[in-house]
């Protein structure tokens, strides 16, 4: 009996994540509503809270999938290519840009969710983020062999923040951004000067 209940909970959990992923992909985090998910699942609103603490946990689960998809995308961009560190960083960044361009709302949900250092962010979520940062850190170790691990981590986050900012401002057509067709070149200019 307990196993049947656990299987039903797992099935509902997966169905809710699937539905939430579609909703977020179509309309962003703001369209994620318990009543809508319950109607689509179909289940009661209370059943949702039997398998998730709140809607934020569902959004985190969707974001976990998005992190994995970004990881596969950027990993494939450099897999077995044996590129110099600078070209590796550029290829990773271009892959990140393409993912954001093709999946804008799922990508934005990674950053629109309100997480602070004080939150109890699940360890699996942080592990997915660390995995993405590891792609950046590897070539940085080659470019800056004199840097200790702390400095590599800071440089990794600085480069990610720079590329992310370029992508965000460009895709949202902010006044400080550049047109989308110039984003790849802008990224190349920044990374070429860092990694030379």
C-alpha atoms as a PDB file:
ATOM      1  CA  UNK A   1       0.000   0.000   0.000  1.00  0.00           C
ATOM      2  CA  UNK A   2       2.801   2.430   0.940  1.00  0.00           C
ATOM      3  CA  UNK A   3       4.592   1.602  -2.308  1.00  0.00           C
ATOM      4  CA  UNK A   4       1.415   2.322  -4.321  1.00  0.00           C
ATOM      5  CA  UNK A   5       1.073   5.692  -2.587  1.00  0.00           C
ATOM      6  CA  UNK A   6       4.737   6.513  -3.245  1.00  0.00           C
ATOM      7  CA  UNK A   7       4.355   5.563  -6.919  1.00  0.00           C
ATOM      8  CA  UNK A   8       1.227   7.710  -7.229  1.00  0.00           C
ATOM      9  CA  UNK A   9       3.046  10.631  -5.600  1.00  0.00           C
ATOM     10  CA  UNK A  10       6.027  10.179  -7.948  1.00  0.00           C
ATOM     11  CA  UNK A  11       3.737  10.040 -10.983  1.00  0.00           C
ATOM     12  CA  UNK A  12       1.848  13.158  -9.858  1.00  0.00           C
ATOM     13  CA  UNK A  13       5.099  14.931  -9.100  1.00  0.00           C
ATOM     14  CA  UNK A  14       6.443  14.211 -12.603  1.00  0.00           C
ATOM     15  CA  UNK A  15       3.141  15.198 -14.245  1.00  0.00           C
ATOM     16  CA  UNK A  16       3.100  18.508 -12.350  1.00  0.00           C
ATOM     17  CA  UNK A  17       6.704  19.270 -13.341  1.00  0.00           C
ATOM     18  CA  UNK A  18       5.900  18.448 -16.975  1.00  0.00           C
ATOM     19  CA  UNK A  19       2.842  20.728 -16.922  1.00  0.00           C
ATOM     20  CA  UNK A  20       4.701  23.500 -15.122  1.00  0.00           C
ATOM     21  CA  UNK A  21       7.543  23.306 -17.628  1.00  0.00           C
ATOM     22  CA  UNK A  22       5.125  23.835 -20.512  1.00  0.00           C
ATOM     23  CA  UNK A  23       3.406  26.715 -18.715  1.00  0.00           C
ATOM     24  CA  UNK A  24       6.706  28.435 -17.877  1.00  0.00           C
ATOM     25  CA  UNK A  25       8.008  27.914 -21.429  1.00  0.00           C
ATOM     26  CA  UNK A  26       4.878  29.573 -22.797  1.00  0.00           C
ATOM     27  CA  UNK A  27       4.365  32.385 -20.294  1.00  0.00           C
ATOM     28  CA  UNK A  28       7.143  32.593 -17.720  1.00  0.00           C
ATOM     29  CA  UNK A  29       7.030  32.089 -13.974  1.00  0.00           C
ATOM     30  CA  UNK A  30       4.121  34.474 -13.485  1.00  0.00           C
ATOM     31  CA  UNK A  31       1.670  32.083 -15.144  1.00  0.00           C
ATOM     32  CA  UNK A  32       2.420  29.251 -12.732  1.00  0.00           C
ATOM     33  CA  UNK A  33      -0.768  28.884 -10.667  1.00  0.00           C
ATOM     34  CA  UNK A  34      -1.786  25.961  -8.441  1.00  0.00           C
ATOM     35  CA  UNK A  35      -5.411  25.951  -9.601  1.00  0.00           C
ATOM     36  CA  UNK A  36      -4.389  25.788 -13.264  1.00  0.00           C
ATOM     37  CA  UNK A  37      -1.954  22.942 -12.614  1.00  0.00           C
ATOM     38  CA  UNK A  38      -4.567  21.068 -10.594  1.00  0.00           C
ATOM     39  CA  UNK A  39      -7.124  21.420 -13.397  1.00  0.00           C
ATOM     40  CA  UNK A  40      -4.647  20.128 -15.977  1.00  0.00           C
ATOM     41  CA  UNK A  41      -3.159  17.326 -13.866  1.00  0.00           C
ATOM     42  CA  UNK A  42      -6.074  16.557 -12.975  1.00  0.00           C
ATOM     43  CA  UNK A  43      -5.877  16.566  -9.192  1.00  0.00           C
ATOM     44  CA  UNK A  44      -6.952  18.678  -6.261  1.00  0.00           C
ATOM     45  CA  UNK A  45      -4.964  21.734  -5.244  1.00  0.00           C
ATOM     46  CA  UNK A  46      -4.312  19.949  -1.954  1.00  0.00           C
ATOM     47  CA  UNK A  47      -2.754  17.021  -3.804  1.00  0.00           C
ATOM     48  CA  UNK A  48      -0.152  19.387  -5.252  1.00  0.00           C
ATOM     49  CA  UNK A  49       0.918  20.307  -1.738  1.00  0.00           C
ATOM     50  CA  UNK A  50       1.205  16.643  -0.805  1.00  0.00           C
ATOM     51  CA  UNK A  51       4.095  16.283  -3.273  1.00  0.00           C
ATOM     52  CA  UNK A  52       5.543  19.825  -3.239  1.00  0.00           C
ATOM     53  CA  UNK A  53       5.902  22.333  -0.411  1.00  0.00           C
ATOM     54  CA  UNK A  54       4.858  25.219  -2.636  1.00  0.00           C
ATOM     55  CA  UNK A  55       4.886  26.521  -6.211  1.00  0.00           C
ATOM     56  CA  UNK A  56       8.468  27.662  -5.760  1.00  0.00           C
ATOM     57  CA  UNK A  57       9.511  24.016  -5.326  1.00  0.00           C
ATOM     58  CA  UNK A  58       7.787  23.150  -8.609  1.00  0.00           C
ATOM     59  CA  UNK A  59       9.585  26.040 -10.311  1.00  0.00           C
ATOM     60  CA  UNK A  60      12.890  24.813  -8.843  1.00  0.00           C
ATOM     61  CA  UNK A  61      12.222  21.365 -10.298  1.00  0.00           C
ATOM     62  CA  UNK A  62      11.583  22.893 -13.726  1.00  0.00           C
ATOM     63  CA  UNK A  63      14.725  25.006 -13.356  1.00  0.00           C
ATOM     64  CA  UNK A  64      16.675  21.868 -12.504  1.00  0.00           C
ATOM     65  CA  UNK A  65      15.657  20.425 -15.857  1.00  0.00           C
ATOM     66  CA  UNK A  66      16.614  23.681 -17.546  1.00  0.00           C
ATOM     67  CA  UNK A  67      20.055  23.626 -15.919  1.00  0.00           C
ATOM     68  CA  UNK A  68      20.541  20.085 -17.244  1.00  0.00           C
ATOM     69  CA  UNK A  69      19.482  21.143 -20.747  1.00  0.00           C
ATOM     70  CA  UNK A  70      21.872  24.104 -20.694  1.00  0.00           C
ATOM     71  CA  UNK A  71      24.616  21.784 -19.463  1.00  0.00           C
ATOM     72  CA  UNK A  72      24.015  19.414 -22.370  1.00  0.00           C
ATOM     73  CA  UNK A  73      23.926  22.313 -24.814  1.00  0.00           C
ATOM     74  CA  UNK A  74      27.168  23.930 -23.674  1.00  0.00           C
ATOM     75  CA  UNK A  75      28.856  20.562 -23.196  1.00  0.00           C
ATOM     76  CA  UNK A  76      28.002  19.527 -26.743  1.00  0.00           C
ATOM     77  CA  UNK A  77      29.459  22.812 -28.028  1.00  0.00           C
ATOM     78  CA  UNK A  78      32.954  21.847 -26.863  1.00  0.00           C
ATOM     79  CA  UNK A  79      32.778  18.053 -26.684  1.00  0.00           C
ATOM     80  CA  UNK A  80      35.842  16.423 -28.266  1.00  0.00           C
ATOM     81  CA  UNK A  81      36.773  19.628 -30.088  1.00  0.00           C
ATOM     82  CA  UNK A  82      40.106  20.174 -28.274  1.00  0.00           C
ATOM     83  CA  UNK A  83      39.805  23.950 -28.628  1.00  0.00           C
ATOM     84  CA  UNK A  84      42.217  26.457 -27.114  1.00  0.00           C
ATOM     85  CA  UNK A  85      40.868  27.954 -23.842  1.00  0.00           C
ATOM     86  CA  UNK A  86      39.744  31.222 -25.445  1.00  0.00           C
ATOM     87  CA  UNK A  87      37.824  29.407 -28.193  1.00  0.00           C
ATOM     88  CA  UNK A  88      36.320  27.054 -25.605  1.00  0.00           C
ATOM     89  CA  UNK A  89      34.991  30.020 -23.629  1.00  0.00           C
ATOM     90  CA  UNK A  90      33.585  31.585 -26.796  1.00  0.00           C
ATOM     91  CA  UNK A  91      31.939  28.314 -27.891  1.00  0.00           C
ATOM     92  CA  UNK A  92      30.398  27.853 -24.426  1.00  0.00           C
ATOM     93  CA  UNK A  93      29.099  31.426 -24.483  1.00  0.00           C
ATOM     94  CA  UNK A  94      27.634  31.130 -27.959  1.00  0.00           C
ATOM     95  CA  UNK A  95      25.878  27.907 -26.916  1.00  0.00           C
ATOM     96  CA  UNK A  96      24.497  29.699 -23.846  1.00  0.00           C
ATOM     97  CA  UNK A  97      23.255  32.547 -26.047  1.00  0.00           C
ATOM     98  CA  UNK A  98      21.576  30.119 -28.453  1.00  0.00           C
ATOM     99  CA  UNK A  99      19.869  28.273 -25.597  1.00  0.00           C
ATOM    100  CA  UNK A 100      18.555  31.563 -24.182  1.00  0.00           C
ATOM    101  CA  UNK A 101      17.372  32.653 -27.627  1.00  0.00           C
ATOM    102  CA  UNK A 102      15.530  29.384 -28.258  1.00  0.00           C
ATOM    103  CA  UNK A 103      14.099  28.987 -24.718  1.00  0.00           C
ATOM    104  CA  UNK A 104      13.671  32.542 -23.444  1.00  0.00           C
ATOM    105  CA  UNK A 105      11.094  31.982 -20.722  1.00  0.00           C
ATOM    106  CA  UNK A 106      12.634  28.801 -19.315  1.00  0.00           C
ATOM    107  CA  UNK A 107      16.012  30.534 -19.308  1.00  0.00           C
ATOM    108  CA  UNK A 108      14.580  33.639 -17.601  1.00  0.00           C
ATOM    109  CA  UNK A 109      12.896  31.471 -14.960  1.00  0.00           C
ATOM    110  CA  UNK A 110      16.363  30.483 -13.718  1.00  0.00           C
ATOM    111  CA  UNK A 111      16.937  34.084 -12.693  1.00  0.00           C
ATOM    112  CA  UNK A 112      13.406  35.296 -12.038  1.00  0.00           C
ATOM    113  CA  UNK A 113      12.896  32.868  -9.186  1.00  0.00           C
ATOM    114  CA  UNK A 114      13.614  34.605  -5.926  1.00  0.00           C
ATOM    115  CA  UNK A 115      16.509  32.820  -4.254  1.00  0.00           C
ATOM    116  CA  UNK A 116      18.849  34.384  -1.744  1.00  0.00           C
ATOM    117  CA  UNK A 117      21.778  33.067   0.243  1.00  0.00           C
ATOM    118  CA  UNK A 118      19.409  32.774   3.209  1.00  0.00           C
ATOM    119  CA  UNK A 119      17.056  30.416   1.350  1.00  0.00           C
ATOM    120  CA  UNK A 120      17.247  26.694   1.815  1.00  0.00           C
ATOM    121  CA  UNK A 121      18.210  26.080  -1.779  1.00  0.00           C
ATOM    122  CA  UNK A 122      18.279  22.324  -2.413  1.00  0.00           C
ATOM    123  CA  UNK A 123      21.748  20.827  -2.743  1.00  0.00           C
ATOM    124  CA  UNK A 124      20.850  19.209  -6.092  1.00  0.00           C
ATOM    125  CA  UNK A 125      20.004  22.667  -7.446  1.00  0.00           C
ATOM    126  CA  UNK A 126      23.357  24.084  -6.337  1.00  0.00           C
ATOM    127  CA  UNK A 127      25.107  21.027  -7.808  1.00  0.00           C
ATOM    128  CA  UNK A 128      23.540  21.737 -11.221  1.00  0.00           C
ATOM    129  CA  UNK A 129      24.764  25.322 -11.036  1.00  0.00           C
ATOM    130  CA  UNK A 130      28.270  24.183 -10.014  1.00  0.00           C
ATOM    131  CA  UNK A 131      28.322  21.807 -12.990  1.00  0.00           C
ATOM    132  CA  UNK A 132      27.624  24.689 -15.366  1.00  0.00           C
ATOM    133  CA  UNK A 133      30.321  26.796 -13.736  1.00  0.00           C
ATOM    134  CA  UNK A 134      32.770  23.886 -14.085  1.00  0.00           C
ATOM    135  CA  UNK A 135      32.562  24.228 -17.875  1.00  0.00           C
ATOM    136  CA  UNK A 136      33.827  27.801 -17.535  1.00  0.00           C
ATOM    137  CA  UNK A 137      36.387  27.085 -14.822  1.00  0.00           C
ATOM    138  CA  UNK A 138      38.228  24.383 -16.796  1.00  0.00           C
ATOM    139  CA  UNK A 139      39.579  26.677 -19.544  1.00  0.00           C
ATOM    140  CA  UNK A 140      40.194  29.444 -16.992  1.00  0.00           C
ATOM    141  CA  UNK A 141      42.605  27.145 -15.146  1.00  0.00           C
ATOM    142  CA  UNK A 142      44.601  26.985 -18.380  1.00  0.00           C
ATOM    143  CA  UNK A 143      44.462  30.731 -19.015  1.00  0.00           C
ATOM    144  CA  UNK A 144      45.334  31.663 -15.428  1.00  0.00           C
ATOM    145  CA  UNK A 145      47.486  28.843 -13.993  1.00  0.00           C
ATOM    146  CA  UNK A 146      48.731  31.186 -11.276  1.00  0.00           C
ATOM    147  CA  UNK A 147      45.216  31.700  -9.857  1.00  0.00           C
ATOM    148  CA  UNK A 148      44.161  29.761  -6.780  1.00  0.00           C
ATOM    149  CA  UNK A 149      40.779  28.011  -6.638  1.00  0.00           C
ATOM    150  CA  UNK A 150      39.086  30.997  -5.004  1.00  0.00           C
ATOM    151  CA  UNK A 151      40.254  33.353  -7.730  1.00  0.00           C
ATOM    152  CA  UNK A 152      39.217  30.892 -10.449  1.00  0.00           C
ATOM    153  CA  UNK A 153      35.772  30.701  -8.886  1.00  0.00           C
ATOM    154  CA  UNK A 154      35.534  34.505  -8.777  1.00  0.00           C
ATOM    155  CA  UNK A 155      36.703  34.786 -12.392  1.00  0.00           C
ATOM    156  CA  UNK A 156      34.226  32.067 -13.416  1.00  0.00           C
ATOM    157  CA  UNK A 157      31.355  33.963 -11.835  1.00  0.00           C
ATOM    158  CA  UNK A 158      32.598  37.261 -13.290  1.00  0.00           C
ATOM    159  CA  UNK A 159      32.732  35.825 -16.815  1.00  0.00           C
ATOM    160  CA  UNK A 160      29.342  34.172 -16.423  1.00  0.00           C
ATOM    161  CA  UNK A 161      27.877  37.441 -15.145  1.00  0.00           C
ATOM    162  CA  UNK A 162      29.410  39.341 -18.061  1.00  0.00           C
ATOM    163  CA  UNK A 163      28.121  36.959 -20.723  1.00  0.00           C
ATOM    164  CA  UNK A 164      24.752  36.637 -19.006  1.00  0.00           C
ATOM    165  CA  UNK A 165      24.430  40.425 -18.884  1.00  0.00           C
ATOM    166  CA  UNK A 166      25.276  40.747 -22.568  1.00  0.00           C
ATOM    167  CA  UNK A 167      22.707  38.078 -23.447  1.00  0.00           C
ATOM    168  CA  UNK A 168      20.006  39.481 -21.156  1.00  0.00           C
ATOM    169  CA  UNK A 169      20.341  43.083 -22.285  1.00  0.00           C
ATOM    170  CA  UNK A 170      20.566  42.076 -25.941  1.00  0.00           C
ATOM    171  CA  UNK A 171      17.623  39.686 -25.965  1.00  0.00           C
ATOM    172  CA  UNK A 172      15.437  42.091 -24.033  1.00  0.00           C
ATOM    173  CA  UNK A 173      16.489  44.868 -26.401  1.00  0.00           C
ATOM    174  CA  UNK A 174      17.445  47.128 -23.541  1.00  0.00           C
ATOM    175  CA  UNK A 175      18.882  50.509 -24.403  1.00  0.00           C
ATOM    176  CA  UNK A 176      22.332  49.484 -23.104  1.00  0.00           C
ATOM    177  CA  UNK A 177      22.332  46.234 -25.087  1.00  0.00           C
ATOM    178  CA  UNK A 178      23.212  45.565 -28.699  1.00  0.00           C
ATOM    179  CA  UNK A 179      20.981  44.109 -31.427  1.00  0.00           C
ATOM    180  CA  UNK A 180      20.644  40.310 -31.219  1.00  0.00           C
ATOM    181  CA  UNK A 181      22.583  39.810 -34.450  1.00  0.00           C
ATOM    182  CA  UNK A 182      25.625  41.467 -32.821  1.00  0.00           C
ATOM    183  CA  UNK A 183      25.590  39.501 -29.555  1.00  0.00           C
ATOM    184  CA  UNK A 184      27.949  36.744 -30.701  1.00  0.00           C
ATOM    185  CA  UNK A 185      30.505  39.309 -31.856  1.00  0.00           C
ATOM    186  CA  UNK A 186      30.228  41.281 -28.612  1.00  0.00           C
ATOM    187  CA  UNK A 187      30.839  38.102 -26.607  1.00  0.00           C
ATOM    188  CA  UNK A 188      33.848  37.268 -28.783  1.00  0.00           C
ATOM    189  CA  UNK A 189      35.337  40.727 -28.246  1.00  0.00           C
ATOM    190  CA  UNK A 190      35.009  40.506 -24.486  1.00  0.00           C
ATOM    191  CA  UNK A 191      36.322  36.959 -24.165  1.00  0.00           C
ATOM    192  CA  UNK A 192      39.142  37.424 -26.662  1.00  0.00           C
ATOM    193  CA  UNK A 193      40.554  40.236 -24.561  1.00  0.00           C
ATOM    194  CA  UNK A 194      40.261  38.269 -21.326  1.00  0.00           C
ATOM    195  CA  UNK A 195      41.686  35.002 -22.549  1.00  0.00           C
ATOM    196  CA  UNK A 196      44.547  36.197 -24.779  1.00  0.00           C
END
